[in-house]
């Protein structure tokens, strides 16, 4: 079973994705807006997202993305159910 393979699965499971540019800027991606733009069934994997992302500060193409699971109040990731 694939989990968090699509943008919609990331939204449904509470994941966040942060994009990074080569100039050191980074920003959490609005996944709902990204799903509206690319479709919820678009892959959330690195190679599928990087060509679609540009830095909002300098315009460079993103060179990294990091997906993070939802966190508990104490900052530790939730365990898989």
N, C-alpha and C. Protein backbone atom coordinates (compact mmCIF):
# COMPACT_ATOMS: atom_id res chain seq x y z
N UNK A 1 0.83 -1.18 0.00
CA UNK A 1 0.00 0.00 0.00
C UNK A 1 0.88 1.25 0.00
N UNK A 2 0.63 2.14 -0.90
CA UNK A 2 1.39 3.38 -1.00
C UNK A 2 0.77 4.43 -0.09
N UNK A 3 1.58 5.12 0.67
CA UNK A 3 1.11 6.19 1.55
C UNK A 3 1.89 7.45 1.21
N UNK A 4 1.19 8.56 1.06
CA UNK A 4 1.80 9.86 0.77
C UNK A 4 2.51 9.89 -0.58
N UNK A 5 2.02 9.11 -1.52
CA UNK A 5 2.59 9.12 -2.86
C UNK A 5 2.05 10.26 -3.71
N UNK A 6 0.90 10.80 -3.31
CA UNK A 6 0.30 11.91 -4.06
C UNK A 6 0.15 13.11 -3.14
N UNK A 7 -0.08 14.26 -3.75
CA UNK A 7 -0.29 15.47 -2.97
C UNK A 7 -1.51 15.31 -2.07
N UNK A 8 -2.59 14.73 -2.58
CA UNK A 8 -3.80 14.56 -1.78
C UNK A 8 -3.56 13.62 -0.59
N UNK A 9 -2.78 12.58 -0.78
CA UNK A 9 -2.46 11.68 0.33
C UNK A 9 -1.67 12.41 1.41
N UNK A 10 -0.77 13.30 1.01
CA UNK A 10 -0.03 14.10 1.99
C UNK A 10 -0.97 15.00 2.77
N UNK A 11 -1.92 15.63 2.09
CA UNK A 11 -2.91 16.47 2.76
C UNK A 11 -3.72 15.63 3.73
N UNK A 12 -4.24 14.50 3.26
CA UNK A 12 -5.09 13.64 4.08
C UNK A 12 -4.38 13.12 5.32
N UNK A 13 -3.07 12.87 5.21
CA UNK A 13 -2.31 12.31 6.31
C UNK A 13 -1.58 13.35 7.15
N UNK A 14 -1.82 14.64 6.87
CA UNK A 14 -1.27 15.71 7.69
C UNK A 14 0.19 16.03 7.47
N UNK A 15 0.75 15.59 6.36
CA UNK A 15 2.16 15.87 6.07
C UNK A 15 2.34 17.32 5.63
N UNK A 16 3.53 17.83 5.84
CA UNK A 16 3.92 19.12 5.28
C UNK A 16 5.11 18.86 4.35
N UNK A 17 5.24 19.71 3.34
CA UNK A 17 6.39 19.63 2.43
C UNK A 17 7.02 21.01 2.39
N UNK A 18 8.32 21.05 2.59
CA UNK A 18 9.08 22.30 2.57
C UNK A 18 10.02 22.24 1.38
N UNK A 19 10.05 23.33 0.61
CA UNK A 19 10.92 23.41 -0.57
C UNK A 19 12.11 24.32 -0.25
N UNK A 20 13.25 23.99 -0.83
CA UNK A 20 14.50 24.72 -0.62
C UNK A 20 15.07 25.12 -1.97
N UNK A 21 15.67 26.33 -2.03
CA UNK A 21 16.34 26.78 -3.25
C UNK A 21 17.85 26.79 -3.01
N UNK A 22 18.65 26.90 -4.08
CA UNK A 22 20.11 26.89 -3.92
C UNK A 22 20.66 28.10 -3.16
N UNK A 23 19.87 29.16 -3.02
CA UNK A 23 20.33 30.36 -2.32
C UNK A 23 20.01 30.35 -0.83
N UNK A 24 19.51 29.21 -0.34
CA UNK A 24 19.27 29.07 1.09
C UNK A 24 17.88 29.44 1.56
N UNK A 25 17.02 29.85 0.65
CA UNK A 25 15.64 30.15 1.03
C UNK A 25 14.85 28.86 1.16
N UNK A 26 13.85 28.87 2.03
CA UNK A 26 12.96 27.71 2.13
C UNK A 26 11.59 28.17 2.57
N UNK A 27 10.60 27.37 2.22
CA UNK A 27 9.22 27.73 2.53
C UNK A 27 8.36 26.48 2.52
N UNK A 28 7.42 26.42 3.47
CA UNK A 28 6.44 25.34 3.48
C UNK A 28 5.49 25.55 2.31
N UNK A 29 5.21 24.50 1.60
CA UNK A 29 4.33 24.57 0.43
C UNK A 29 2.89 24.47 0.89
N UNK A 30 2.04 25.32 0.35
CA UNK A 30 0.59 25.23 0.58
C UNK A 30 0.09 24.07 -0.27
N UNK A 31 -0.10 22.91 0.36
CA UNK A 31 -0.44 21.70 -0.39
C UNK A 31 -1.83 21.77 -1.01
N UNK A 32 -2.76 22.47 -0.37
CA UNK A 32 -4.10 22.60 -0.95
C UNK A 32 -4.02 23.41 -2.25
N UNK A 33 -3.27 24.51 -2.22
CA UNK A 33 -3.10 25.32 -3.43
C UNK A 33 -2.35 24.54 -4.51
N UNK A 34 -1.35 23.75 -4.09
CA UNK A 34 -0.61 22.95 -5.06
C UNK A 34 -1.50 21.89 -5.69
N UNK A 35 -2.38 21.28 -4.88
CA UNK A 35 -3.32 20.30 -5.41
C UNK A 35 -4.30 20.95 -6.38
N UNK A 36 -4.72 22.18 -6.09
CA UNK A 36 -5.60 22.90 -7.01
C UNK A 36 -4.90 23.15 -8.35
N UNK A 37 -3.61 23.44 -8.28
CA UNK A 37 -2.85 23.77 -9.49
C UNK A 37 -2.45 22.53 -10.29
N UNK A 38 -1.97 21.50 -9.59
CA UNK A 38 -1.44 20.32 -10.28
C UNK A 38 -2.38 19.13 -10.28
N UNK A 39 -3.36 19.15 -9.39
CA UNK A 39 -4.26 18.02 -9.22
C UNK A 39 -3.84 17.20 -8.01
N UNK A 40 -4.80 16.75 -7.24
CA UNK A 40 -4.51 15.99 -6.03
C UNK A 40 -3.83 14.67 -6.29
N UNK A 41 -3.99 14.14 -7.50
CA UNK A 41 -3.38 12.85 -7.82
C UNK A 41 -1.95 12.99 -8.37
N UNK A 42 -1.43 14.22 -8.41
CA UNK A 42 -0.05 14.45 -8.85
C UNK A 42 0.89 13.86 -7.80
N UNK A 43 1.97 13.28 -8.24
CA UNK A 43 2.95 12.68 -7.35
C UNK A 43 3.55 13.71 -6.40
N UNK A 44 3.76 13.30 -5.16
CA UNK A 44 4.42 14.16 -4.18
C UNK A 44 5.89 13.80 -4.02
N UNK A 45 6.40 12.97 -4.90
CA UNK A 45 7.79 12.57 -4.82
C UNK A 45 8.71 13.66 -5.36
N UNK A 46 9.92 13.67 -4.88
CA UNK A 46 10.91 14.70 -5.20
C UNK A 46 11.03 14.98 -6.69
N UNK A 47 11.26 13.95 -7.47
CA UNK A 47 11.51 14.15 -8.91
C UNK A 47 10.30 14.70 -9.65
N UNK A 48 9.10 14.49 -9.12
CA UNK A 48 7.90 15.03 -9.75
C UNK A 48 7.63 16.47 -9.33
N UNK A 49 8.05 16.84 -8.11
CA UNK A 49 7.77 18.19 -7.62
C UNK A 49 8.83 19.22 -8.00
N UNK A 50 10.09 18.86 -7.96
CA UNK A 50 11.15 19.84 -8.19
C UNK A 50 11.00 20.67 -9.47
N UNK A 51 10.67 20.06 -10.61
CA UNK A 51 10.54 20.88 -11.82
C UNK A 51 9.38 21.88 -11.77
N UNK A 52 8.46 21.69 -10.84
CA UNK A 52 7.27 22.55 -10.76
C UNK A 52 7.44 23.71 -9.79
N UNK A 53 8.53 23.72 -9.01
CA UNK A 53 8.67 24.68 -7.92
C UNK A 53 9.77 25.70 -8.17
N UNK A 54 9.47 26.96 -7.87
CA UNK A 54 10.44 28.06 -7.93
C UNK A 54 10.37 28.84 -6.62
N UNK A 55 11.50 29.39 -6.24
CA UNK A 55 11.58 30.20 -5.02
C UNK A 55 10.79 31.49 -5.19
N UNK A 56 9.98 31.81 -4.19
CA UNK A 56 9.18 33.04 -4.26
C UNK A 56 10.02 34.28 -3.96
N UNK A 57 11.23 34.11 -3.43
CA UNK A 57 12.10 35.25 -3.12
C UNK A 57 13.06 35.59 -4.25
N UNK A 58 13.69 34.56 -4.85
CA UNK A 58 14.73 34.84 -5.84
C UNK A 58 14.43 34.27 -7.22
N UNK A 59 13.41 33.42 -7.33
CA UNK A 59 13.03 32.88 -8.62
C UNK A 59 13.80 31.64 -9.07
N UNK A 60 14.78 31.21 -8.28
CA UNK A 60 15.54 30.00 -8.63
C UNK A 60 14.65 28.77 -8.52
N UNK A 61 14.99 27.75 -9.29
CA UNK A 61 14.27 26.49 -9.19
C UNK A 61 14.62 25.81 -7.87
N UNK A 62 13.63 25.16 -7.28
CA UNK A 62 13.88 24.41 -6.05
C UNK A 62 14.88 23.31 -6.32
N UNK A 63 15.77 23.06 -5.34
CA UNK A 63 16.73 21.98 -5.50
C UNK A 63 16.55 20.88 -4.47
N UNK A 64 15.58 21.06 -3.55
CA UNK A 64 15.30 20.03 -2.54
C UNK A 64 13.90 20.22 -2.00
N UNK A 65 13.29 19.12 -1.62
CA UNK A 65 12.02 19.15 -0.90
C UNK A 65 12.12 18.14 0.24
N UNK A 66 11.52 18.48 1.37
CA UNK A 66 11.50 17.58 2.51
C UNK A 66 10.07 17.45 2.98
N UNK A 67 9.59 16.22 3.06
CA UNK A 67 8.25 15.93 3.57
C UNK A 67 8.39 15.55 5.04
N UNK A 68 7.51 16.11 5.86
CA UNK A 68 7.54 15.83 7.30
C UNK A 68 6.18 15.32 7.75
N UNK A 69 6.18 14.30 8.61
CA UNK A 69 4.92 13.78 9.13
C UNK A 69 4.32 14.76 10.13
N UNK A 70 3.04 14.59 10.46
CA UNK A 70 2.44 15.46 11.46
C UNK A 70 3.15 15.29 12.80
N UNK A 71 3.21 16.35 13.58
CA UNK A 71 3.89 16.32 14.86
C UNK A 71 2.90 16.39 16.01
N UNK A 72 3.29 15.79 17.11
CA UNK A 72 2.50 15.90 18.34
C UNK A 72 2.83 17.24 18.99
N UNK A 73 2.14 17.57 20.05
CA UNK A 73 2.37 18.83 20.75
C UNK A 73 3.80 18.94 21.28
N UNK A 74 4.44 17.81 21.61
CA UNK A 74 5.80 17.85 22.13
C UNK A 74 6.85 17.88 21.04
N UNK A 75 6.42 17.92 19.76
CA UNK A 75 7.34 18.05 18.64
C UNK A 75 7.80 16.76 18.01
N UNK A 76 7.50 15.61 18.64
CA UNK A 76 7.88 14.32 18.07
C UNK A 76 6.87 13.91 17.02
N UNK A 77 7.33 13.22 15.96
CA UNK A 77 6.39 12.77 14.92
C UNK A 77 5.37 11.77 15.47
N UNK A 78 4.19 11.81 14.87
CA UNK A 78 3.18 10.80 15.20
C UNK A 78 3.68 9.45 14.72
N UNK A 79 3.35 8.41 15.45
CA UNK A 79 3.70 7.05 15.00
C UNK A 79 2.66 6.57 14.02
N UNK A 80 3.08 5.69 13.10
CA UNK A 80 2.12 5.09 12.17
C UNK A 80 1.09 4.30 12.95
N UNK A 81 -0.12 4.39 12.49
CA UNK A 81 -1.21 3.68 13.19
C UNK A 81 -1.36 2.29 12.71
